[in-house]
Amino acid sequence: EFTNLMKLYALYVNNYNNAMDTLDSCRKHSKTVSTFLKRANENPKLMRLDLHAYLIMPVQRIPRYQLLLQDLMRHTPPEHIDVSNISAALDAIVSVARYINESKQ
């Protein structure tokens, strides 16, 4: 199941630029889409973030997790009970990042 999720995540990341181009094109050529996106952007429940801001979040997630885990490892004493779990999590996230980067090529 993890492998399937990784493939799905890589597919999302690799198609992000195409999705943004399509969204921009729809915004330019459709008054309905443009109006909808403008109203959504003004909605305080959406924290006044536009759709682009929400769609980039998954793309940024893996690098942020990697930085967080690296920082956590740096500040965790070597004898701490959680070092092996943190190390395993870091190895896993590095593996996911590598898979995503390799799938771009």
PDB file of N, CA and C in Angstrom:
ATOM      1  N   GLU A   1       0.836  -1.199   0.000  1.00  0.00           N
ATOM      2  CA  GLU A   1       0.000   0.000   0.000  1.00  0.00           C
ATOM      3  C   GLU A   1       0.874   1.253   0.000  1.00  0.00           C
ATOM      4  N   PHE A   2       1.969   1.241   0.746  1.00  0.00           N
ATOM      5  CA  PHE A   2       2.870   2.392   0.786  1.00  0.00           C
ATOM      6  C   PHE A   2       3.391   2.724  -0.603  1.00  0.00           C
ATOM      7  N   THR A   3       3.745   1.697  -1.366  1.00  0.00           N
ATOM      8  CA  THR A   3       4.266   1.904  -2.717  1.00  0.00           C
ATOM      9  C   THR A   3       3.221   2.562  -3.600  1.00  0.00           C
ATOM     10  N   ASN A   4       1.987   2.133  -3.497  1.00  0.00           N
ATOM     11  CA  ASN A   4       0.919   2.741  -4.292  1.00  0.00           C
ATOM     12  C   ASN A   4       0.708   4.196  -3.920  1.00  0.00           C
ATOM     13  N   LEU A   5       0.772   4.507  -2.629  1.00  0.00           N
ATOM     14  CA  LEU A   5       0.632   5.894  -2.195  1.00  0.00           C
ATOM     15  C   LEU A   5       1.790   6.736  -2.694  1.00  0.00           C
ATOM     16  N   MET A   6       2.990   6.166  -2.669  1.00  0.00           N
ATOM     17  CA  MET A   6       4.161   6.882  -3.154  1.00  0.00           C
ATOM     18  C   MET A   6       4.024   7.176  -4.653  1.00  0.00           C
ATOM     19  N   LYS A   7       3.531   6.209  -5.414  1.00  0.00           N
ATOM     20  CA  LYS A   7       3.333   6.415  -6.845  1.00  0.00           C
ATOM     21  C   LYS A   7       2.286   7.500  -7.098  1.00  0.00           C
ATOM     22  N   LEU A   8       1.228   7.471  -6.329  1.00  0.00           N
ATOM     23  CA  LEU A   8       0.179   8.478  -6.460  1.00  0.00           C
ATOM     24  C   LEU A   8       0.716   9.859  -6.123  1.00  0.00           C
ATOM     25  N   TYR A   9       1.477   9.942  -5.048  1.00  0.00           N
ATOM     26  CA  TYR A   9       2.060  11.213  -4.637  1.00  0.00           C
ATOM     27  C   TYR A   9       3.013  11.737  -5.710  1.00  0.00           C
ATOM     28  N   ALA A  10       3.845  10.861  -6.256  1.00  0.00           N
ATOM     29  CA  ALA A  10       4.776  11.255  -7.320  1.00  0.00           C
ATOM     30  C   ALA A  10       4.010  11.743  -8.547  1.00  0.00           C
ATOM     31  N   LEU A  11       2.925  11.088  -8.872  1.00  0.00           N
ATOM     32  CA  LEU A  11       2.103  11.497 -10.000  1.00  0.00           C
ATOM     33  C   LEU A  11       1.556  12.911  -9.781  1.00  0.00           C
ATOM     34  N   TYR A  12       1.087  13.186  -8.580  1.00  0.00           N
ATOM     35  CA  TYR A  12       0.579  14.520  -8.243  1.00  0.00           C
ATOM     36  C   TYR A  12       1.684  15.569  -8.403  1.00  0.00           C
ATOM     37  N   VAL A  13       2.830  15.306  -7.800  1.00  0.00           N
ATOM     38  CA  VAL A  13       3.941  16.257  -7.850  1.00  0.00           C
ATOM     39  C   VAL A  13       4.394  16.485  -9.291  1.00  0.00           C
ATOM     40  N   ASN A  14       4.503  15.413 -10.051  1.00  0.00           N
ATOM     41  CA  ASN A  14       4.991  15.530 -11.424  1.00  0.00           C
ATOM     42  C   ASN A  14       4.000  16.217 -12.356  1.00  0.00           C
ATOM     43  N   ASN A  15       2.730  16.207 -12.005  1.00  0.00           N
ATOM     44  CA  ASN A  15       1.722  16.862 -12.843  1.00  0.00           C
ATOM     45  C   ASN A  15       1.295  18.224 -12.322  1.00  0.00           C
ATOM     46  N   TYR A  16       1.929  18.660 -11.257  1.00  0.00           N
ATOM     47  CA  TYR A  16       1.553  19.934 -10.631  1.00  0.00           C
ATOM     48  C   TYR A  16       1.640  21.103 -11.627  1.00  0.00           C
ATOM     49  N   ASN A  17       2.746  21.224 -12.345  1.00  0.00           N
ATOM     50  CA  ASN A  17       2.900  22.354 -13.280  1.00  0.00           C
ATOM     51  C   ASN A  17       1.840  22.329 -14.376  1.00  0.00           C
ATOM     52  N   ASN A  18       1.528  21.154 -14.889  1.00  0.00           N
ATOM     53  CA  ASN A  18       0.463  21.046 -15.900  1.00  0.00           C
ATOM     54  C   ASN A  18      -0.882  21.468 -15.320  1.00  0.00           C
ATOM     55  N   ALA A  19      -1.136  21.068 -14.094  1.00  0.00           N
ATOM     56  CA  ALA A  19      -2.395  21.437 -13.445  1.00  0.00           C
ATOM     57  C   ALA A  19      -2.487  22.952 -13.269  1.00  0.00           C
ATOM     58  N   MET A  20      -1.375  23.585 -12.888  1.00  0.00           N
ATOM     59  CA  MET A  20      -1.380  25.044 -12.712  1.00  0.00           C
ATOM     60  C   MET A  20      -1.588  25.748 -14.044  1.00  0.00           C
ATOM     61  N   ASP A  21      -0.957  25.234 -15.098  1.00  0.00           N
ATOM     62  CA  ASP A  21      -1.160  25.816 -16.429  1.00  0.00           C
ATOM     63  C   ASP A  21      -2.614  25.688 -16.858  1.00  0.00           C
ATOM     64  N   THR A  22      -3.206  24.541 -16.600  1.00  0.00           N
ATOM     65  CA  THR A  22      -4.615  24.322 -16.953  1.00  0.00           C
ATOM     66  C   THR A  22      -5.525  25.240 -16.154  1.00  0.00           C
ATOM     67  N   LEU A  23      -5.247  25.369 -14.856  1.00  0.00           N
ATOM     68  CA  LEU A  23      -6.038  26.258 -14.011  1.00  0.00           C
ATOM     69  C   LEU A  23      -5.937  27.700 -14.496  1.00  0.00           C
ATOM     70  N   ASP A  24      -4.733  28.145 -14.819  1.00  0.00           N
ATOM     71  CA  ASP A  24      -4.547  29.515 -15.319  1.00  0.00           C
ATOM     72  C   ASP A  24      -5.277  29.729 -16.638  1.00  0.00           C
ATOM     73  N   SER A  25      -5.231  28.738 -17.502  1.00  0.00           N
ATOM     74  CA  SER A  25      -5.926  28.836 -18.782  1.00  0.00           C
ATOM     75  C   SER A  25      -7.438  28.915 -18.578  1.00  0.00           C
ATOM     76  N   CYS A  26      -7.955  28.084 -17.682  1.00  0.00           N
ATOM     77  CA  CYS A  26      -9.399  28.118 -17.393  1.00  0.00           C
ATOM     78  C   CYS A  26      -9.804  29.466 -16.804  1.00  0.00           C
ATOM     79  N   ARG A  27      -8.959  29.987 -15.934  1.00  0.00           N
ATOM     80  CA  ARG A  27      -9.241  31.286 -15.316  1.00  0.00           C
ATOM     81  C   ARG A  27      -9.294  32.387 -16.377  1.00  0.00           C
ATOM     82  N   LYS A  28      -8.386  32.337 -17.339  1.00  0.00           N
ATOM     83  CA  LYS A  28      -8.318  33.358 -18.382  1.00  0.00           C
ATOM     84  C   LYS A  28      -9.464  33.259 -19.376  1.00  0.00           C
ATOM     85  N   HIS A  29      -9.889  32.024 -19.667  1.00  0.00           N
ATOM     86  CA  HIS A  29     -10.854  31.821 -20.741  1.00  0.00           C
ATOM     87  C   HIS A  29     -12.287  31.567 -20.285  1.00  0.00           C
ATOM     88  N   SER A  30     -12.498  31.460 -18.994  1.00  0.00           N
ATOM     89  CA  SER A  30     -13.847  31.195 -18.503  1.00  0.00           C
ATOM     90  C   SER A  30     -14.202  32.189 -17.405  1.00  0.00           C
ATOM     91  N   LYS A  31     -15.190  33.006 -17.703  1.00  0.00           N
ATOM     92  CA  LYS A  31     -15.647  33.979 -16.710  1.00  0.00           C
ATOM     93  C   LYS A  31     -16.232  33.265 -15.492  1.00  0.00           C
ATOM     94  N   THR A  32     -16.885  32.140 -15.711  1.00  0.00           N
ATOM     95  CA  THR A  32     -17.464  31.365 -14.614  1.00  0.00           C
ATOM     96  C   THR A  32     -16.377  30.874 -13.658  1.00  0.00           C
ATOM     97  N   VAL A  33     -15.325  30.310 -14.217  1.00  0.00           N
ATOM     98  CA  VAL A  33     -14.210  29.816 -13.393  1.00  0.00           C
ATOM     99  C   VAL A  33     -13.539  30.980 -12.686  1.00  0.00           C
ATOM    100  N   SER A  34     -13.289  32.052 -13.412  1.00  0.00           N
ATOM    101  CA  SER A  34     -12.638  33.220 -12.835  1.00  0.00           C
ATOM    102  C   SER A  34     -13.452  33.795 -11.675  1.00  0.00           C
ATOM    103  N   THR A  35     -14.750  33.899 -11.845  1.00  0.00           N
ATOM    104  CA  THR A  35     -15.626  34.415 -10.793  1.00  0.00           C
ATOM    105  C   THR A  35     -15.646  33.476  -9.588  1.00  0.00           C
ATOM    106  N   PHE A  36     -15.745  32.185  -9.854  1.00  0.00           N
ATOM    107  CA  PHE A  36     -15.739  31.208  -8.768  1.00  0.00           C
ATOM    108  C   PHE A  36     -14.455  31.307  -7.948  1.00  0.00           C
ATOM    109  N   LEU A  37     -13.308  31.345  -8.631  1.00  0.00           N
ATOM    110  CA  LEU A  37     -12.023  31.399  -7.934  1.00  0.00           C
ATOM    111  C   LEU A  37     -11.866  32.704  -7.151  1.00  0.00           C
ATOM    112  N   LYS A  38     -12.364  33.790  -7.718  1.00  0.00           N
ATOM    113  CA  LYS A  38     -12.284  35.081  -7.026  1.00  0.00           C
ATOM    114  C   LYS A  38     -13.127  35.049  -5.751  1.00  0.00           C
ATOM    115  N   ARG A  39     -14.338  34.519  -5.852  1.00  0.00           N
ATOM    116  CA  ARG A  39     -15.204  34.420  -4.665  1.00  0.00           C
ATOM    117  C   ARG A  39     -14.602  33.487  -3.610  1.00  0.00           C
ATOM    118  N   ALA A  40     -14.053  32.394  -4.051  1.00  0.00           N
ATOM    119  CA  ALA A  40     -13.430  31.456  -3.115  1.00  0.00           C
ATOM    120  C   ALA A  40     -12.248  32.114  -2.415  1.00  0.00           C
ATOM    121  N   ASN A  41     -11.487  32.898  -3.165  1.00  0.00           N
ATOM    122  CA  ASN A  41     -10.326  33.576  -2.606  1.00  0.00           C
ATOM    123  C   ASN A  41     -10.722  34.604  -1.541  1.00  0.00           C
ATOM    124  N   GLU A  42     -11.897  35.166  -1.679  1.00  0.00           N
ATOM    125  CA  GLU A  42     -12.376  36.176  -0.728  1.00  0.00           C
ATOM    126  C   GLU A  42     -13.057  35.563   0.493  1.00  0.00           C
ATOM    127  N   ASN A  43     -13.254  34.260   0.477  1.00  0.00           N
ATOM    128  CA  ASN A  43     -13.947  33.572   1.559  1.00  0.00           C
ATOM    129  C   ASN A  43     -13.034  33.464   2.787  1.00  0.00           C
ATOM    130  N   PRO A  44     -13.417  34.083   3.907  1.00  0.00           N
ATOM    131  CA  PRO A  44     -12.567  34.029   5.106  1.00  0.00           C
ATOM    132  C   PRO A  44     -12.384  32.610   5.650  1.00  0.00           C
ATOM    133  N   LYS A  45     -13.322  31.715   5.370  1.00  0.00           N
ATOM    134  CA  LYS A  45     -13.184  30.325   5.825  1.00  0.00           C
ATOM    135  C   LYS A  45     -12.004  29.627   5.146  1.00  0.00           C
ATOM    136  N   LEU A  46     -11.598  30.141   4.004  1.00  0.00           N
ATOM    137  CA  LEU A  46     -10.469  29.568   3.275  1.00  0.00           C
ATOM    138  C   LEU A  46      -9.183  30.337   3.561  1.00  0.00           C
ATOM    139  N   MET A  47      -9.200  31.123   4.602  1.00  0.00           N
ATOM    140  CA  MET A  47      -8.039  31.903   5.056  1.00  0.00           C
ATOM    141  C   MET A  47      -7.495  32.812   3.961  1.00  0.00           C
ATOM    142  N   ARG A  48      -8.345  33.171   3.036  1.00  0.00           N
ATOM    143  CA  ARG A  48      -7.997  34.072   1.936  1.00  0.00           C
ATOM    144  C   ARG A  48      -6.802  33.576   1.106  1.00  0.00           C
ATOM    145  N   LEU A  49      -6.637  32.269   1.066  1.00  0.00           N
ATOM    146  CA  LEU A  49      -5.621  31.678   0.208  1.00  0.00           C
ATOM    147  C   LEU A  49      -6.267  31.272  -1.112  1.00  0.00           C
ATOM    148  N   ASP A  50      -5.550  31.488  -2.199  1.00  0.00           N
ATOM    149  CA  ASP A  50      -6.134  31.075  -3.476  1.00  0.00           C
ATOM    150  C   ASP A  50      -5.870  29.587  -3.714  1.00  0.00           C
ATOM    151  N   LEU A  51      -6.469  29.069  -4.758  1.00  0.00           N
ATOM    152  CA  LEU A  51      -6.382  27.640  -5.041  1.00  0.00           C
ATOM    153  C   LEU A  51      -4.936  27.197  -5.270  1.00  0.00           C
ATOM    154  N   HIS A  52      -4.136  28.051  -5.903  1.00  0.00           N
ATOM    155  CA  HIS A  52      -2.719  27.723  -6.107  1.00  0.00           C
ATOM    156  C   HIS A  52      -2.026  27.439  -4.768  1.00  0.00           C
ATOM    157  N   ALA A  53      -2.334  28.233  -3.767  1.00  0.00           N
ATOM    158  CA  ALA A  53      -1.700  28.066  -2.451  1.00  0.00           C
ATOM    159  C   ALA A  53      -2.047  26.714  -1.838  1.00  0.00           C
ATOM    160  N   TYR A  54      -3.266  26.271  -2.039  1.00  0.00           N
ATOM    161  CA  TYR A  54      -3.666  24.963  -1.499  1.00  0.00           C
ATOM    162  C   TYR A  54      -3.063  23.810  -2.306  1.00  0.00           C
ATOM    163  N   LEU A  55      -2.990  23.986  -3.615  1.00  0.00           N
ATOM    164  CA  LEU A  55      -2.493  22.903  -4.469  1.00  0.00           C
ATOM    165  C   LEU A  55      -0.986  22.698  -4.349  1.00  0.00           C
ATOM    166  N   ILE A  56      -0.242  23.709  -3.925  1.00  0.00           N
ATOM    167  CA  ILE A  56       1.207  23.559  -3.762  1.00  0.00           C
ATOM    168  C   ILE A  56       1.551  22.851  -2.446  1.00  0.00           C
ATOM    169  N   MET A  57       0.646  22.850  -1.500  1.00  0.00           N
ATOM    170  CA  MET A  57       0.941  22.275  -0.177  1.00  0.00           C
ATOM    171  C   MET A  57       1.421  20.821  -0.228  1.00  0.00           C
ATOM    172  N   PRO A  58       0.770  19.946  -0.976  1.00  0.00           N
ATOM    173  CA  PRO A  58       1.280  18.566  -1.036  1.00  0.00           C
ATOM    174  C   PRO A  58       2.671  18.479  -1.664  1.00  0.00           C
ATOM    175  N   VAL A  59       2.968  19.355  -2.609  1.00  0.00           N
ATOM    176  CA  VAL A  59       4.277  19.361  -3.256  1.00  0.00           C
ATOM    177  C   VAL A  59       5.364  19.718  -2.242  1.00  0.00           C
ATOM    178  N   GLN A  60       5.046  20.608  -1.322  1.00  0.00           N
ATOM    179  CA  GLN A  60       6.008  21.076  -0.322  1.00  0.00           C
ATOM    180  C   GLN A  60       6.118  20.153   0.884  1.00  0.00           C
ATOM    181  N   ARG A  61       5.202  19.247   1.035  1.00  0.00           N
ATOM    182  CA  ARG A  61       5.117  18.438   2.260  1.00  0.00           C
ATOM    183  C   ARG A  61       6.335  17.539   2.486  1.00  0.00           C
ATOM    184  N   ILE A  62       6.752  16.777   1.507  1.00  0.00           N
ATOM    185  CA  ILE A  62       7.869  15.835   1.685  1.00  0.00           C
ATOM    186  C   ILE A  62       9.160  16.575   2.057  1.00  0.00           C
ATOM    187  N   PRO A  63       9.543  17.641   1.336  1.00  0.00           N
ATOM    188  CA  PRO A  63      10.749  18.362   1.756  1.00  0.00           C
ATOM    189  C   PRO A  63      10.653  18.926   3.179  1.00  0.00           C
ATOM    190  N   ARG A  64       9.477  19.367   3.567  1.00  0.00           N
ATOM    191  CA  ARG A  64       9.309  19.887   4.938  1.00  0.00           C
ATOM    192  C   ARG A  64       9.467  18.780   5.975  1.00  0.00           C
ATOM    193  N   TYR A  65       8.894  17.616   5.701  1.00  0.00           N
ATOM    194  CA  TYR A  65       9.051  16.488   6.621  1.00  0.00           C
ATOM    195  C   TYR A  65      10.524  16.096   6.736  1.00  0.00           C
ATOM    196  N   GLN A  66      11.209  16.100   5.605  1.00  0.00           N
ATOM    197  CA  GLN A  66      12.620  15.732   5.622  1.00  0.00           C
ATOM    198  C   GLN A  66      13.417  16.717   6.480  1.00  0.00           C
ATOM    199  N   LEU A  67      13.178  18.000   6.306  1.00  0.00           N
ATOM    200  CA  LEU A  67      13.876  19.008   7.116  1.00  0.00           C
ATOM    201  C   LEU A  67      13.531  18.871   8.594  1.00  0.00           C
ATOM    202  N   LEU A  68      12.277  18.627   8.889  1.00  0.00           N
ATOM    203  CA  LEU A  68      11.844  18.459  10.275  1.00  0.00           C
ATOM    204  C   LEU A  68      12.540  17.267  10.927  1.00  0.00           C
ATOM    205  N   LEU A  69      12.581  16.150  10.228  1.00  0.00           N
ATOM    206  CA  LEU A  69      13.203  14.947  10.785  1.00  0.00           C
ATOM    207  C   LEU A  69      14.719  15.097  10.917  1.00  0.00           C
ATOM    208  N   GLN A  70      15.342  15.784   9.971  1.00  0.00           N
ATOM    209  CA  GLN A  70      16.778  16.043  10.089  1.00  0.00           C
ATOM    210  C   GLN A  70      17.066  16.901  11.317  1.00  0.00           C
ATOM    211  N   ASP A  71      16.257  17.914  11.510  1.00  0.00           N
ATOM    212  CA  ASP A  71      16.419  18.793  12.672  1.00  0.00           C
ATOM    213  C   ASP A  71      16.170  18.028  13.972  1.00  0.00           C
ATOM    214  N   LEU A  72      15.166  17.191  13.964  1.00  0.00           N
ATOM    215  CA  LEU A  72      14.857  16.384  15.142  1.00  0.00           C
ATOM    216  C   LEU A  72      16.014  15.437  15.473  1.00  0.00           C
ATOM    217  N   MET A  73      16.604  14.818  14.450  1.00  0.00           N
ATOM    218  CA  MET A  73      17.758  13.942  14.676  1.00  0.00           C
ATOM    219  C   MET A  73      18.940  14.717  15.256  1.00  0.00           C
ATOM    220  N   ARG A  74      19.145  15.917  14.742  1.00  0.00           N
ATOM    221  CA  ARG A  74      20.258  16.745  15.185  1.00  0.00           C
ATOM    222  C   ARG A  74      20.128  17.128  16.662  1.00  0.00           C
ATOM    223  N   HIS A  75      18.898  17.271  17.125  1.00  0.00           N
ATOM    224  CA  HIS A  75      18.656  17.726  18.496  1.00  0.00           C
ATOM    225  C   HIS A  75      18.254  16.612  19.460  1.00  0.00           C
ATOM    226  N   THR A  76      18.273  15.384  18.992  1.00  0.00           N
ATOM    227  CA  THR A  76      17.935  14.245  19.853  1.00  0.00           C
ATOM    228  C   THR A  76      19.230  13.577  20.315  1.00  0.00           C
ATOM    229  N   PRO A  77      19.391  13.408  21.610  1.00  0.00           N
ATOM    230  CA  PRO A  77      20.605  12.739  22.105  1.00  0.00           C
ATOM    231  C   PRO A  77      20.701  11.318  21.544  1.00  0.00           C
ATOM    232  N   PRO A  78      21.915  10.882  21.204  1.00  0.00           N
ATOM    233  CA  PRO A  78      22.102   9.554  20.589  1.00  0.00           C
ATOM    234  C   PRO A  78      21.549   8.399  21.430  1.00  0.00           C
ATOM    235  N   GLU A  79      21.523   8.570  22.737  1.00  0.00           N
ATOM    236  CA  GLU A  79      21.054   7.493  23.616  1.00  0.00           C
ATOM    237  C   GLU A  79      19.531   7.522  23.823  1.00  0.00           C
ATOM    238  N   HIS A  80      18.863   8.508  23.245  1.00  0.00           N
ATOM    239  CA  HIS A  80      17.411   8.638  23.445  1.00  0.00           C
ATOM    240  C   HIS A  80      16.678   7.446  22.842  1.00  0.00           C
ATOM    241  N   ILE A  81      15.611   7.035  23.483  1.00  0.00           N
ATOM    242  CA  ILE A  81      14.842   5.853  23.069  1.00  0.00           C
ATOM    243  C   ILE A  81      14.242   5.993  21.657  1.00  0.00           C
ATOM    244  N   ASP A  82      13.996   7.228  21.206  1.00  0.00           N
ATOM    245  CA  ASP A  82      13.338   7.436  19.919  1.00  0.00           C
ATOM    246  C   ASP A  82      14.295   7.613  18.737  1.00  0.00           C
ATOM    247  N   VAL A  83      15.583   7.570  18.977  1.00  0.00           N
ATOM    248  CA  VAL A  83      16.539   7.795  17.887  1.00  0.00           C
ATOM    249  C   VAL A  83      16.332   6.814  16.738  1.00  0.00           C
ATOM    250  N   SER A  84      16.133   5.555  17.042  1.00  0.00           N
ATOM    251  CA  SER A  84      15.975   4.566  15.961  1.00  0.00           C
ATOM    252  C   SER A  84      14.685   4.816  15.163  1.00  0.00           C
ATOM    253  N   ASN A  85      13.622   5.227  15.841  1.00  0.00           N
ATOM    254  CA  ASN A  85      12.369   5.528  15.140  1.00  0.00           C
ATOM    255  C   ASN A  85      12.498   6.779  14.272  1.00  0.00           C
ATOM    256  N   ILE A  86      13.170   7.788  14.796  1.00  0.00           N
ATOM    257  CA  ILE A  86      13.377   9.017  14.027  1.00  0.00           C
ATOM    258  C   ILE A  86      14.247   8.715  12.807  1.00  0.00           C
ATOM    259  N   SER A  87      15.285   7.933  13.015  1.00  0.00           N
ATOM    260  CA  SER A  87      16.175   7.556  11.916  1.00  0.00           C
ATOM    261  C   SER A  87      15.424   6.773  10.842  1.00  0.00           C
ATOM    262  N   ALA A  88      14.580   5.853  11.250  1.00  0.00           N
ATOM    263  CA  ALA A  88      13.789   5.064  10.297  1.00  0.00           C
ATOM    264  C   ALA A  88      12.820   5.968   9.522  1.00  0.00           C
ATOM    265  N   ALA A  89      12.201   6.902  10.218  1.00  0.00           N
ATOM    266  CA  ALA A  89      11.283   7.833   9.557  1.00  0.00           C
ATOM    267  C   ALA A  89      12.039   8.706   8.560  1.00  0.00           C
ATOM    268  N   LEU A  90      13.215   9.161   8.952  1.00  0.00           N
ATOM    269  CA  LEU A  90      14.036   9.980   8.050  1.00  0.00           C
ATOM    270  C   LEU A  90      14.455   9.168   6.826  1.00  0.00           C
ATOM    271  N   ASP A  91      14.869   7.947   7.028  1.00  0.00           N
ATOM    272  CA  ASP A  91      15.233   7.080   5.895  1.00  0.00           C
ATOM    273  C   ASP A  91      14.050   6.892   4.946  1.00  0.00           C
ATOM    274  N   ALA A  92      12.871   6.707   5.510  1.00  0.00           N
ATOM    275  CA  ALA A  92      11.675   6.507   4.686  1.00  0.00           C
ATOM    276  C   ALA A  92      11.337   7.757   3.879  1.00  0.00           C
ATOM    277  N   ILE A  93      11.413   8.919   4.507  1.00  0.00           N
ATOM    278  CA  ILE A  93      11.056  10.152   3.805  1.00  0.00           C
ATOM    279  C   ILE A  93      12.096  10.490   2.741  1.00  0.00           C
ATOM    280  N   VAL A  94      13.364  10.182   3.009  1.00  0.00           N
ATOM    281  CA  VAL A  94      14.415  10.375   2.006  1.00  0.00           C
ATOM    282  C   VAL A  94      14.156   9.450   0.815  1.00  0.00           C
ATOM    283  N   SER A  95      13.721   8.241   1.102  1.00  0.00           N
ATOM    284  CA  SER A  95      13.400   7.286   0.043  1.00  0.00           C
ATOM    285  C   SER A  95      12.232   7.786  -0.816  1.00  0.00           C
ATOM    286  N   VAL A  96      11.228   8.341  -0.179  1.00  0.00           N
ATOM    287  CA  VAL A  96      10.083   8.898  -0.915  1.00  0.00           C
ATOM    288  C   VAL A  96      10.541  10.067  -1.777  1.00  0.00           C
ATOM    289  N   ALA A  97      11.344  10.958  -1.213  1.00  0.00           N
ATOM    290  CA  ALA A  97      11.835  12.119  -1.969  1.00  0.00           C
ATOM    291  C   ALA A  97      12.659  11.670  -3.170  1.00  0.00           C
ATOM    292  N   ARG A  98      13.505  10.672  -2.969  1.00  0.00           N
ATOM    293  CA  ARG A  98      14.329  10.138  -4.055  1.00  0.00           C
ATOM    294  C   ARG A  98      13.430   9.547  -5.152  1.00  0.00           C
ATOM    295  N   TYR A  99      12.428   8.782  -4.752  1.00  0.00           N
ATOM    296  CA  TYR A  99      11.512   8.177  -5.720  1.00  0.00           C
ATOM    297  C   TYR A  99      10.812   9.261  -6.548  1.00  0.00           C
ATOM    298  N   ILE A 100      10.355  10.306  -5.888  1.00  0.00           N
ATOM    299  CA  ILE A 100       9.678  11.391  -6.591  1.00  0.00           C
ATOM    300  C   ILE A 100      10.618  12.070  -7.568  1.00  0.00           C
ATOM    301  N   ASN A 101      11.834  12.350  -7.117  1.00  0.00           N
ATOM    302  CA  ASN A 101      12.806  13.002  -7.998  1.00  0.00           C
ATOM    303  C   ASN A 101      13.169  12.124  -9.195  1.00  0.00           C
ATOM    304  N   GLU A 102      13.325  10.836  -8.961  1.00  0.00           N
ATOM    305  CA  GLU A 102      13.661   9.920 -10.051  1.00  0.00           C
ATOM    306  C   GLU A 102      12.505   9.765 -11.031  1.00  0.00           C
ATOM    307  N   SER A 103      11.281   9.860 -10.537  1.00  0.00           N
ATOM    308  CA  SER A 103      10.124   9.696 -11.412  1.00  0.00           C
ATOM    309  C   SER A 103       9.927  10.926 -12.318  1.00  0.00           C
ATOM    310  N   LYS A 104      10.564  12.050 -11.976  1.00  0.00           N
ATOM    311  CA  LYS A 104      10.484  13.252 -12.808  1.00  0.00           C
ATOM    312  C   LYS A 104      11.314  13.095 -14.076  1.00  0.00           C
ATOM    313  N   GLN A 105      12.327  12.235 -14.022  1.00  0.00           N
ATOM    314  CA  GLN A 105      13.259  12.112 -15.142  1.00  0.00           C
ATOM    315  C   GLN A 105      12.733  11.214 -16.231  1.00  0.00           C
TER     316      GLN A 105
END
